[in-house]
Amino acid sequence: MPKMKTDRGAAKRVKITGTRRLRRRKQNRSHLLEKKSSVRTRRLARETDFASGDERRVKRMLGI
């Protein structure tokens, strides 16, 4: 049986915390920021957790 390969795209986008939680960036923060309010861009700058269903899928992609 060959080794399971880590999904490199997922690995670049996900950070694993010391307590093994998965963190991700929010969408809508890369461009066209002039029309978005300052409150909105600050909120989008924070990292967040995955939804429970997505977390299972991402853990499998990362081989955790």
PDB file of N, CA and C in Angstrom:
ATOM      1  N   MET A   1       0.845  -1.186   0.000  1.00  0.00           N
ATOM      2  CA  MET A   1       0.000   0.000   0.000  1.00  0.00           C
ATOM      3  C   MET A   1       0.892   1.253   0.000  1.00  0.00           C
ATOM      4  N   PRO A   2       0.717   2.162  -0.946  1.00  0.00           N
ATOM      5  CA  PRO A   2       1.558   3.363  -0.964  1.00  0.00           C
ATOM      6  C   PRO A   2       1.175   4.332   0.151  1.00  0.00           C
ATOM      7  N   LYS A   3       2.110   5.228   0.435  1.00  0.00           N
ATOM      8  CA  LYS A   3       1.846   6.245   1.454  1.00  0.00           C
ATOM      9  C   LYS A   3       0.759   7.190   0.984  1.00  0.00           C
ATOM     10  N   MET A   4       0.042   7.783   1.946  1.00  0.00           N
ATOM     11  CA  MET A   4      -0.956   8.793   1.593  1.00  0.00           C
ATOM     12  C   MET A   4      -0.259  10.119   1.401  1.00  0.00           C
ATOM     13  N   LYS A   5      -0.546  10.805   0.316  1.00  0.00           N
ATOM     14  CA  LYS A   5       0.101  12.090   0.052  1.00  0.00           C
ATOM     15  C   LYS A   5      -0.733  13.219   0.627  1.00  0.00           C
ATOM     16  N   THR A   6      -0.053  14.199   1.185  1.00  0.00           N
ATOM     17  CA  THR A   6      -0.711  15.394   1.689  1.00  0.00           C
ATOM     18  C   THR A   6      -1.151  16.251   0.509  1.00  0.00           C
ATOM     19  N   ASP A   7      -2.353  16.786   0.574  1.00  0.00           N
ATOM     20  CA  ASP A   7      -2.834  17.711  -0.442  1.00  0.00           C
ATOM     21  C   ASP A   7      -2.099  19.036  -0.227  1.00  0.00           C
ATOM     22  N   ARG A   8      -1.181  19.375  -1.114  1.00  0.00           N
ATOM     23  CA  ARG A   8      -0.312  20.534  -0.908  1.00  0.00           C
ATOM     24  C   ARG A   8      -1.095  21.852  -0.920  1.00  0.00           C
ATOM     25  N   GLY A   9      -2.162  21.914  -1.727  1.00  0.00           N
ATOM     26  CA  GLY A   9      -2.982  23.124  -1.746  1.00  0.00           C
ATOM     27  C   GLY A   9      -3.649  23.362  -0.411  1.00  0.00           C
ATOM     28  N   ALA A  10      -4.136  22.303   0.213  1.00  0.00           N
ATOM     29  CA  ALA A  10      -4.757  22.422   1.529  1.00  0.00           C
ATOM     30  C   ALA A  10      -3.710  22.777   2.574  1.00  0.00           C
ATOM     31  N   ALA A  11      -2.534  22.190   2.485  1.00  0.00           N
ATOM     32  CA  ALA A  11      -1.487  22.434   3.473  1.00  0.00           C
ATOM     33  C   ALA A  11      -1.048  23.901   3.465  1.00  0.00           C
ATOM     34  N   LYS A  12      -1.057  24.543   2.307  1.00  0.00           N
ATOM     35  CA  LYS A  12      -0.657  25.945   2.231  1.00  0.00           C
ATOM     36  C   LYS A  12      -1.719  26.883   2.788  1.00  0.00           C
ATOM     37  N   ARG A  13      -2.952  26.430   2.859  1.00  0.00           N
ATOM     38  CA  ARG A  13      -4.057  27.304   3.266  1.00  0.00           C
ATOM     39  C   ARG A  13      -4.504  27.098   4.700  1.00  0.00           C
ATOM     40  N   VAL A  14      -4.038  26.056   5.351  1.00  0.00           N
ATOM     41  CA  VAL A  14      -4.534  25.700   6.677  1.00  0.00           C
ATOM     42  C   VAL A  14      -3.389  25.734   7.676  1.00  0.00           C
ATOM     43  N   LYS A  15      -3.672  26.293   8.863  1.00  0.00           N
ATOM     44  CA  LYS A  15      -2.691  26.308   9.943  1.00  0.00           C
ATOM     45  C   LYS A  15      -3.223  25.429  11.065  1.00  0.00           C
ATOM     46  N   ILE A  16      -2.356  24.607  11.634  1.00  0.00           N
ATOM     47  CA  ILE A  16      -2.741  23.741  12.742  1.00  0.00           C
ATOM     48  C   ILE A  16      -2.218  24.374  14.025  1.00  0.00           C
ATOM     49  N   THR A  17      -3.098  24.590  14.985  1.00  0.00           N
ATOM     50  CA  THR A  17      -2.706  25.215  16.245  1.00  0.00           C
ATOM     51  C   THR A  17      -2.058  24.176  17.161  1.00  0.00           C
ATOM     52  N   GLY A  18      -1.565  24.632  18.283  1.00  0.00           N
ATOM     53  CA  GLY A  18      -0.933  23.734  19.237  1.00  0.00           C
ATOM     54  C   GLY A  18      -1.903  22.722  19.823  1.00  0.00           C
ATOM     55  N   THR A  19      -3.194  23.078  19.847  1.00  0.00           N
ATOM     56  CA  THR A  19      -4.202  22.158  20.371  1.00  0.00           C
ATOM     57  C   THR A  19      -4.874  21.362  19.257  1.00  0.00           C
ATOM     58  N   ARG A  20      -4.227  21.317  18.078  1.00  0.00           N
ATOM     59  CA  ARG A  20      -4.669  20.518  16.930  1.00  0.00           C
ATOM     60  C   ARG A  20      -5.941  21.041  16.270  1.00  0.00           C
ATOM     61  N   ARG A  21      -6.296  22.316  16.526  1.00  0.00           N
ATOM     62  CA  ARG A  21      -7.433  22.899  15.816  1.00  0.00           C
ATOM     63  C   ARG A  21      -6.951  23.415  14.469  1.00  0.00           C
ATOM     64  N   LEU A  22      -7.851  23.442  13.491  1.00  0.00           N
ATOM     65  CA  LEU A  22      -7.522  23.923  12.152  1.00  0.00           C
ATOM     66  C   LEU A  22      -8.032  25.345  11.996  1.00  0.00           C
ATOM     67  N   ARG A  23      -7.173  26.227  11.475  1.00  0.00           N
ATOM     68  CA  ARG A  23      -7.535  27.623  11.278  1.00  0.00           C
ATOM     69  C   ARG A  23      -7.389  27.963   9.807  1.00  0.00           C
ATOM     70  N   ARG A  24      -8.239  28.861   9.316  1.00  0.00           N
ATOM     71  CA  ARG A  24      -8.190  29.273   7.914  1.00  0.00           C
ATOM     72  C   ARG A  24      -8.447  30.766   7.816  1.00  0.00           C
ATOM     73  N   ARG A  25      -8.057  31.347   6.695  1.00  0.00           N
ATOM     74  CA  ARG A  25      -8.350  32.754   6.419  1.00  0.00           C
ATOM     75  C   ARG A  25      -9.756  32.869   5.864  1.00  0.00           C
ATOM     76  N   LYS A  26     -10.350  34.056   6.026  1.00  0.00           N
ATOM     77  CA  LYS A  26     -11.674  34.289   5.449  1.00  0.00           C
ATOM     78  C   LYS A  26     -11.533  34.781   4.019  1.00  0.00           C
ATOM     79  N   GLN A  27     -12.584  34.579   3.257  1.00  0.00           N
ATOM     80  CA  GLN A  27     -12.571  35.032   1.865  1.00  0.00           C
ATOM     81  C   GLN A  27     -12.883  36.519   1.796  1.00  0.00           C
ATOM     82  N   ASN A  28     -12.779  37.092   0.603  1.00  0.00           N
ATOM     83  CA  ASN A  28     -13.129  38.497   0.306  1.00  0.00           C
ATOM     84  C   ASN A  28     -12.171  39.512   0.912  1.00  0.00           C
ATOM     85  N   ARG A  29     -10.897  39.185   1.072  1.00  0.00           N
ATOM     86  CA  ARG A  29      -9.959  40.134   1.666  1.00  0.00           C
ATOM     87  C   ARG A  29      -8.774  40.410   0.748  1.00  0.00           C
ATOM     88  N   SER A  30      -8.809  39.931  -0.492  1.00  0.00           N
ATOM     89  CA  SER A  30      -7.619  40.065  -1.332  1.00  0.00           C
ATOM     90  C   SER A  30      -7.624  41.311  -2.212  1.00  0.00           C
ATOM     91  N   HIS A  31      -8.756  41.705  -2.735  1.00  0.00           N
ATOM     92  CA  HIS A  31      -8.786  42.875  -3.615  1.00  0.00           C
ATOM     93  C   HIS A  31     -10.170  43.512  -3.561  1.00  0.00           C
ATOM     94  N   LEU A  32     -10.328  44.636  -4.268  1.00  0.00           N
ATOM     95  CA  LEU A  32     -11.571  45.432  -4.253  1.00  0.00           C
ATOM     96  C   LEU A  32     -11.947  45.835  -2.820  1.00  0.00           C
ATOM     97  N   LEU A  33     -10.945  46.322  -2.073  1.00  0.00           N
ATOM     98  CA  LEU A  33     -11.181  46.642  -0.668  1.00  0.00           C
ATOM     99  C   LEU A  33     -11.732  48.048  -0.466  1.00  0.00           C
ATOM    100  N   GLU A  34     -11.647  48.902  -1.474  1.00  0.00           N
ATOM    101  CA  GLU A  34     -12.108  50.282  -1.291  1.00  0.00           C
ATOM    102  C   GLU A  34     -13.594  50.368  -0.993  1.00  0.00           C
ATOM    103  N   LYS A  35     -14.359  49.522  -1.624  1.00  0.00           N
ATOM    104  CA  LYS A  35     -15.815  49.591  -1.440  1.00  0.00           C
ATOM    105  C   LYS A  35     -16.288  48.894  -0.169  1.00  0.00           C
ATOM    106  N   LYS A  36     -15.414  48.112   0.460  1.00  0.00           N
ATOM    107  CA  LYS A  36     -15.794  47.415   1.691  1.00  0.00           C
ATOM    108  C   LYS A  36     -15.476  48.307   2.887  1.00  0.00           C
ATOM    109  N   SER A  37     -16.346  48.275   3.865  1.00  0.00           N
ATOM    110  CA  SER A  37     -16.154  49.147   5.022  1.00  0.00           C
ATOM    111  C   SER A  37     -14.963  48.682   5.848  1.00  0.00           C
ATOM    112  N   SER A  38     -14.411  49.605   6.639  1.00  0.00           N
ATOM    113  CA  SER A  38     -13.263  49.286   7.483  1.00  0.00           C
ATOM    114  C   SER A  38     -13.611  48.210   8.497  1.00  0.00           C
ATOM    115  N   VAL A  39     -14.826  48.280   9.033  1.00  0.00           N
ATOM    116  CA  VAL A  39     -15.256  47.274  10.000  1.00  0.00           C
ATOM    117  C   VAL A  39     -15.262  45.899   9.336  1.00  0.00           C
ATOM    118  N   ARG A  40     -15.750  45.855   8.119  1.00  0.00           N
ATOM    119  CA  ARG A  40     -15.828  44.581   7.402  1.00  0.00           C
ATOM    120  C   ARG A  40     -14.438  44.027   7.103  1.00  0.00           C
ATOM    121  N   THR A  41     -13.521  44.884   6.638  1.00  0.00           N
ATOM    122  CA  THR A  41     -12.182  44.384   6.305  1.00  0.00           C
ATOM    123  C   THR A  41     -11.435  43.927   7.556  1.00  0.00           C
ATOM    124  N   ARG A  42     -11.646  44.606   8.684  1.00  0.00           N
ATOM    125  CA  ARG A  42     -11.020  44.161   9.931  1.00  0.00           C
ATOM    126  C   ARG A  42     -11.565  42.801  10.353  1.00  0.00           C
ATOM    127  N   ARG A  43     -12.863  42.618  10.204  1.00  0.00           N
ATOM    128  CA  ARG A  43     -13.477  41.338  10.560  1.00  0.00           C
ATOM    129  C   ARG A  43     -12.957  40.217   9.655  1.00  0.00           C
ATOM    130  N   LEU A  44     -12.784  40.529   8.377  1.00  0.00           N
ATOM    131  CA  LEU A  44     -12.307  39.520   7.434  1.00  0.00           C
ATOM    132  C   LEU A  44     -10.832  39.188   7.628  1.00  0.00           C
ATOM    133  N   ALA A  45     -10.105  40.055   8.304  1.00  0.00           N
ATOM    134  CA  ALA A  45      -8.673  39.831   8.502  1.00  0.00           C
ATOM    135  C   ALA A  45      -8.412  38.729   9.510  1.00  0.00           C
ATOM    136  N   ARG A  46      -9.358  38.460  10.378  1.00  0.00           N
ATOM    137  CA  ARG A  46      -9.156  37.456  11.427  1.00  0.00           C
ATOM    138  C   ARG A  46      -9.255  36.044  10.856  1.00  0.00           C
ATOM    139  N   GLU A  47      -8.541  35.136  11.504  1.00  0.00           N
ATOM    140  CA  GLU A  47      -8.656  33.731  11.136  1.00  0.00           C
ATOM    141  C   GLU A  47      -9.883  33.142  11.815  1.00  0.00           C
ATOM    142  N   THR A  48     -10.362  32.035  11.268  1.00  0.00           N
ATOM    143  CA  THR A  48     -11.555  31.398  11.825  1.00  0.00           C
ATOM    144  C   THR A  48     -11.417  29.888  11.741  1.00  0.00           C
ATOM    145  N   ASP A  49     -12.322  29.185  12.388  1.00  0.00           N
ATOM    146  CA  ASP A  49     -12.331  27.725  12.362  1.00  0.00           C
ATOM    147  C   ASP A  49     -13.100  27.232  11.144  1.00  0.00           C
ATOM    148  N   PHE A  50     -12.937  25.960  10.850  1.00  0.00           N
ATOM    149  CA  PHE A  50     -13.710  25.329   9.785  1.00  0.00           C
ATOM    150  C   PHE A  50     -15.061  24.875  10.326  1.00  0.00           C
ATOM    151  N   ALA A  51     -16.026  24.731   9.442  1.00  0.00           N
ATOM    152  CA  ALA A  51     -17.271  24.058   9.804  1.00  0.00           C
ATOM    153  C   ALA A  51     -16.935  22.591  10.081  1.00  0.00           C
ATOM    154  N   SER A  52     -17.758  21.941  10.896  1.00  0.00           N
ATOM    155  CA  SER A  52     -17.418  20.584  11.331  1.00  0.00           C
ATOM    156  C   SER A  52     -17.297  19.607  10.160  1.00  0.00           C
ATOM    157  N   GLY A  53     -18.184  19.722   9.183  1.00  0.00           N
ATOM    158  CA  GLY A  53     -18.112  18.836   8.025  1.00  0.00           C
ATOM    159  C   GLY A  53     -16.874  19.084   7.188  1.00  0.00           C
ATOM    160  N   ASP A  54     -16.511  20.364   7.036  1.00  0.00           N
ATOM    161  CA  ASP A  54     -15.312  20.689   6.270  1.00  0.00           C
ATOM    162  C   ASP A  54     -14.054  20.249   7.007  1.00  0.00           C
ATOM    163  N   GLU A  55     -14.091  20.340   8.329  1.00  0.00           N
ATOM    164  CA  GLU A  55     -12.912  19.987   9.114  1.00  0.00           C
ATOM    165  C   GLU A  55     -12.542  18.522   8.917  1.00  0.00           C
ATOM    166  N   ARG A  56     -13.529  17.649   8.874  1.00  0.00           N
ATOM    167  CA  ARG A  56     -13.258  16.232   8.625  1.00  0.00           C
ATOM    168  C   ARG A  56     -12.578  16.038   7.275  1.00  0.00           C
ATOM    169  N   ARG A  57     -13.085  16.727   6.255  1.00  0.00           N
ATOM    170  CA  ARG A  57     -12.524  16.589   4.910  1.00  0.00           C
ATOM    171  C   ARG A  57     -11.091  17.117   4.847  1.00  0.00           C
ATOM    172  N   VAL A  58     -10.854  18.264   5.483  1.00  0.00           N
ATOM    173  CA  VAL A  58      -9.519  18.868   5.444  1.00  0.00           C
ATOM    174  C   VAL A  58      -8.520  18.022   6.224  1.00  0.00           C
ATOM    175  N   LYS A  59      -8.944  17.461   7.350  1.00  0.00           N
ATOM    176  CA  LYS A  59      -8.037  16.591   8.108  1.00  0.00           C
ATOM    177  C   LYS A  59      -7.603  15.400   7.265  1.00  0.00           C
ATOM    178  N   ARG A  60      -8.520  14.892   6.489  1.00  0.00           N
ATOM    179  CA  ARG A  60      -8.150  13.770   5.616  1.00  0.00           C
ATOM    180  C   ARG A  60      -7.174  14.230   4.530  1.00  0.00           C
ATOM    181  N   MET A  61      -7.406  15.428   3.989  1.00  0.00           N
ATOM    182  CA  MET A  61      -6.473  15.957   2.978  1.00  0.00           C
ATOM    183  C   MET A  61      -5.064  16.130   3.537  1.00  0.00           C
ATOM    184  N   LEU A  62      -4.993  16.541   4.813  1.00  0.00           N
ATOM    185  CA  LEU A  62      -3.693  16.777   5.439  1.00  0.00           C
ATOM    186  C   LEU A  62      -3.075  15.509   6.003  1.00  0.00           C
ATOM    187  N   GLY A  63      -3.845  14.432   6.046  1.00  0.00           N
ATOM    188  CA  GLY A  63      -3.322  13.191   6.578  1.00  0.00           C
ATOM    189  C   GLY A  63      -3.238  13.177   8.099  1.00  0.00           C
ATOM    190  N   ILE A  64      -4.146  13.909   8.756  1.00  0.00           N
ATOM    191  CA  ILE A  64      -4.152  13.976  10.231  1.00  0.00           C
ATOM    192  C   ILE A  64      -5.055  12.887  10.774  1.00  0.00           C
TER     193      ILE A  64
END
